[in-house]
């Protein structure tokens, strides 16, 4: 059974960079896709990025294109989210997801 653990969140200033990591325990199959979502209070969970495990095909939400990059590391069984040029509106709890499995989330706060 797959388990996910996010890490790397914190408090940063606008314009800063931060990298989140999703550590995957269990078996990821080549056809699987790993997702990053984010959520703020009162809003629906928003798609951020995803990567297909086999062929490394990546997708991004419109609000993060050009600023965020998703990386898969098959050796470490991690999926990292590199976030650059952070904005206050990027403030959220970020979640990793595979199938119906979700991590506990890691909080990112972008503020002066």
C-alpha atoms as a PDB file:
ATOM      1  CA  UNK A   1       0.000   0.000   0.000  1.00  0.00           C
ATOM      2  CA  UNK A   2       1.306   3.420  -0.956  1.00  0.00           C
ATOM      3  CA  UNK A   3       1.935   6.037   1.714  1.00  0.00           C
ATOM      4  CA  UNK A   4       2.932   9.633   1.077  1.00  0.00           C
ATOM      5  CA  UNK A   5       4.785  12.122   3.256  1.00  0.00           C
ATOM      6  CA  UNK A   6       5.271  15.754   2.285  1.00  0.00           C
ATOM      7  CA  UNK A   7       8.005  17.970   3.672  1.00  0.00           C
ATOM      8  CA  UNK A   8       9.757  21.241   2.996  1.00  0.00           C
ATOM      9  CA  UNK A   9       7.063  23.795   3.715  1.00  0.00           C
ATOM     10  CA  UNK A  10       7.736  26.992   5.583  1.00  0.00           C
ATOM     11  CA  UNK A  11       7.498  30.759   5.715  1.00  0.00           C
ATOM     12  CA  UNK A  12       9.152  32.662   2.876  1.00  0.00           C
ATOM     13  CA  UNK A  13       9.016  36.141   1.398  1.00  0.00           C
ATOM     14  CA  UNK A  14       7.553  37.065  -1.990  1.00  0.00           C
ATOM     15  CA  UNK A  15      10.041  36.290  -4.731  1.00  0.00           C
ATOM     16  CA  UNK A  16      11.770  33.551  -2.752  1.00  0.00           C
ATOM     17  CA  UNK A  17      12.125  29.909  -3.728  1.00  0.00           C
ATOM     18  CA  UNK A  18      11.192  26.752  -1.864  1.00  0.00           C
ATOM     19  CA  UNK A  19      11.311  23.061  -2.692  1.00  0.00           C
ATOM     20  CA  UNK A  20       8.760  20.602  -1.390  1.00  0.00           C
ATOM     21  CA  UNK A  21       9.363  16.882  -1.314  1.00  0.00           C
ATOM     22  CA  UNK A  22       6.922  13.984  -1.431  1.00  0.00           C
ATOM     23  CA  UNK A  23       8.420  10.741  -0.150  1.00  0.00           C
ATOM     24  CA  UNK A  24       6.612   7.675  -1.456  1.00  0.00           C
ATOM     25  CA  UNK A  25       6.517   4.420   0.487  1.00  0.00           C
ATOM     26  CA  UNK A  26       5.284   1.367  -1.369  1.00  0.00           C
ATOM     27  CA  UNK A  27       5.168   0.469  -5.020  1.00  0.00           C
ATOM     28  CA  UNK A  28       4.677   3.053  -7.725  1.00  0.00           C
ATOM     29  CA  UNK A  29       3.879   1.541 -11.088  1.00  0.00           C
ATOM     30  CA  UNK A  30       5.236   2.937 -14.294  1.00  0.00           C
ATOM     31  CA  UNK A  31       1.789   3.987 -15.482  1.00  0.00           C
ATOM     32  CA  UNK A  32       1.046   5.942 -12.323  1.00  0.00           C
ATOM     33  CA  UNK A  33       0.927   9.687 -12.118  1.00  0.00           C
ATOM     34  CA  UNK A  34       1.921  11.588  -8.991  1.00  0.00           C
ATOM     35  CA  UNK A  35       0.174  14.865  -8.287  1.00  0.00           C
ATOM     36  CA  UNK A  36       0.745  17.986  -6.206  1.00  0.00           C
ATOM     37  CA  UNK A  37      -2.352  19.897  -5.140  1.00  0.00           C
ATOM     38  CA  UNK A  38      -2.797  22.845  -2.826  1.00  0.00           C
ATOM     39  CA  UNK A  39      -5.643  24.123  -0.711  1.00  0.00           C
ATOM     40  CA  UNK A  40      -6.495  27.278   1.181  1.00  0.00           C
ATOM     41  CA  UNK A  41      -9.376  27.640   3.649  1.00  0.00           C
ATOM     42  CA  UNK A  42     -12.724  28.058   1.975  1.00  0.00           C
ATOM     43  CA  UNK A  43     -11.454  27.078  -1.456  1.00  0.00           C
ATOM     44  CA  UNK A  44     -11.452  23.864  -3.442  1.00  0.00           C
ATOM     45  CA  UNK A  45      -8.282  21.891  -3.749  1.00  0.00           C
ATOM     46  CA  UNK A  46      -6.305  23.228  -6.713  1.00  0.00           C
ATOM     47  CA  UNK A  47      -4.204  21.186  -9.127  1.00  0.00           C
ATOM     48  CA  UNK A  48      -0.574  22.343  -9.095  1.00  0.00           C
ATOM     49  CA  UNK A  49       1.486  19.820 -11.035  1.00  0.00           C
ATOM     50  CA  UNK A  50       1.810  16.171 -11.927  1.00  0.00           C
ATOM     51  CA  UNK A  51       4.378  13.794 -13.351  1.00  0.00           C
ATOM     52  CA  UNK A  52       3.940  10.377 -14.951  1.00  0.00           C
ATOM     53  CA  UNK A  53       6.282   7.910 -13.340  1.00  0.00           C
ATOM     54  CA  UNK A  54       7.265   5.979 -16.474  1.00  0.00           C
ATOM     55  CA  UNK A  55       7.997   8.659 -19.007  1.00  0.00           C
ATOM     56  CA  UNK A  56       8.344  11.740 -16.836  1.00  0.00           C
ATOM     57  CA  UNK A  57       5.618  13.640 -18.690  1.00  0.00           C
ATOM     58  CA  UNK A  58       4.746  16.725 -16.656  1.00  0.00           C
ATOM     59  CA  UNK A  59       1.695  18.915 -16.394  1.00  0.00           C
ATOM     60  CA  UNK A  60       1.164  22.201 -14.564  1.00  0.00           C
ATOM     61  CA  UNK A  61      -1.703  24.305 -13.377  1.00  0.00           C
ATOM     62  CA  UNK A  62      -2.067  27.639 -15.129  1.00  0.00           C
ATOM     63  CA  UNK A  63      -1.280  29.648 -12.013  1.00  0.00           C
ATOM     64  CA  UNK A  64       2.165  28.056 -11.552  1.00  0.00           C
ATOM     65  CA  UNK A  65       3.366  27.515 -15.124  1.00  0.00           C
ATOM     66  CA  UNK A  66       6.826  28.941 -15.635  1.00  0.00           C
ATOM     67  CA  UNK A  67       7.471  29.256 -11.894  1.00  0.00           C
ATOM     68  CA  UNK A  68       7.130  25.723 -10.513  1.00  0.00           C
ATOM     69  CA  UNK A  69       8.915  22.570 -11.666  1.00  0.00           C
ATOM     70  CA  UNK A  70       8.072  19.014 -10.680  1.00  0.00           C
ATOM     71  CA  UNK A  71      10.819  16.411 -10.495  1.00  0.00           C
ATOM     72  CA  UNK A  72      10.611  12.687 -10.051  1.00  0.00           C
ATOM     73  CA  UNK A  73      13.495  10.771  -8.522  1.00  0.00           C
ATOM     74  CA  UNK A  74      12.951   7.065  -9.117  1.00  0.00           C
ATOM     75  CA  UNK A  75      16.020   6.103  -7.083  1.00  0.00           C
ATOM     76  CA  UNK A  76      14.825   7.912  -3.985  1.00  0.00           C
ATOM     77  CA  UNK A  77      11.101   7.371  -4.657  1.00  0.00           C
ATOM     78  CA  UNK A  78      10.421  11.057  -4.257  1.00  0.00           C
ATOM     79  CA  UNK A  79       8.608  13.700  -6.224  1.00  0.00           C
ATOM     80  CA  UNK A  80       9.853  17.215  -5.566  1.00  0.00           C
ATOM     81  CA  UNK A  81       8.156  20.491  -6.339  1.00  0.00           C
ATOM     82  CA  UNK A  82      10.558  23.355  -6.933  1.00  0.00           C
ATOM     83  CA  UNK A  83       8.764  26.649  -6.468  1.00  0.00           C
ATOM     84  CA  UNK A  84      10.323  29.887  -7.678  1.00  0.00           C
ATOM     85  CA  UNK A  85       9.179  33.500  -7.695  1.00  0.00           C
ATOM     86  CA  UNK A  86       6.713  32.752  -4.946  1.00  0.00           C
ATOM     87  CA  UNK A  87       3.721  35.039  -4.505  1.00  0.00           C
ATOM     88  CA  UNK A  88       1.418  35.598  -1.535  1.00  0.00           C
ATOM     89  CA  UNK A  89      -1.309  33.801  -3.469  1.00  0.00           C
ATOM     90  CA  UNK A  90       0.826  30.653  -3.409  1.00  0.00           C
ATOM     91  CA  UNK A  91       0.162  30.436   0.314  1.00  0.00           C
ATOM     92  CA  UNK A  92      -1.588  27.121   0.944  1.00  0.00           C
ATOM     93  CA  UNK A  93      -1.248  23.638   2.298  1.00  0.00           C
ATOM     94  CA  UNK A  94       0.369  21.511  -0.381  1.00  0.00           C
ATOM     95  CA  UNK A  95      -0.573  17.860  -0.756  1.00  0.00           C
ATOM     96  CA  UNK A  96       0.919  14.949  -2.651  1.00  0.00           C
ATOM     97  CA  UNK A  97      -1.457  12.457  -4.247  1.00  0.00           C
ATOM     98  CA  UNK A  98      -1.387   9.079  -5.989  1.00  0.00           C
ATOM     99  CA  UNK A  99      -4.677   7.274  -6.770  1.00  0.00           C
ATOM    100  CA  UNK A 100      -6.884   7.975  -3.739  1.00  0.00           C
ATOM    101  CA  UNK A 101      -3.930   8.241  -1.374  1.00  0.00           C
ATOM    102  CA  UNK A 102      -3.063  11.634   0.099  1.00  0.00           C
ATOM    103  CA  UNK A 103      -0.277  12.822   2.320  1.00  0.00           C
ATOM    104  CA  UNK A 104      -0.817  14.936   5.426  1.00  0.00           C
ATOM    105  CA  UNK A 105       0.213  18.114   3.630  1.00  0.00           C
ATOM    106  CA  UNK A 106       2.897  20.705   4.202  1.00  0.00           C
ATOM    107  CA  UNK A 107       2.133  24.379   4.757  1.00  0.00           C
ATOM    108  CA  UNK A 108       3.661  27.118   2.636  1.00  0.00           C
ATOM    109  CA  UNK A 109       3.249  30.739   3.676  1.00  0.00           C
ATOM    110  CA  UNK A 110       4.437  33.541   1.434  1.00  0.00           C
ATOM    111  CA  UNK A 111       4.427  36.838   3.282  1.00  0.00           C
ATOM    112  CA  UNK A 112       6.554  39.912   3.930  1.00  0.00           C
END
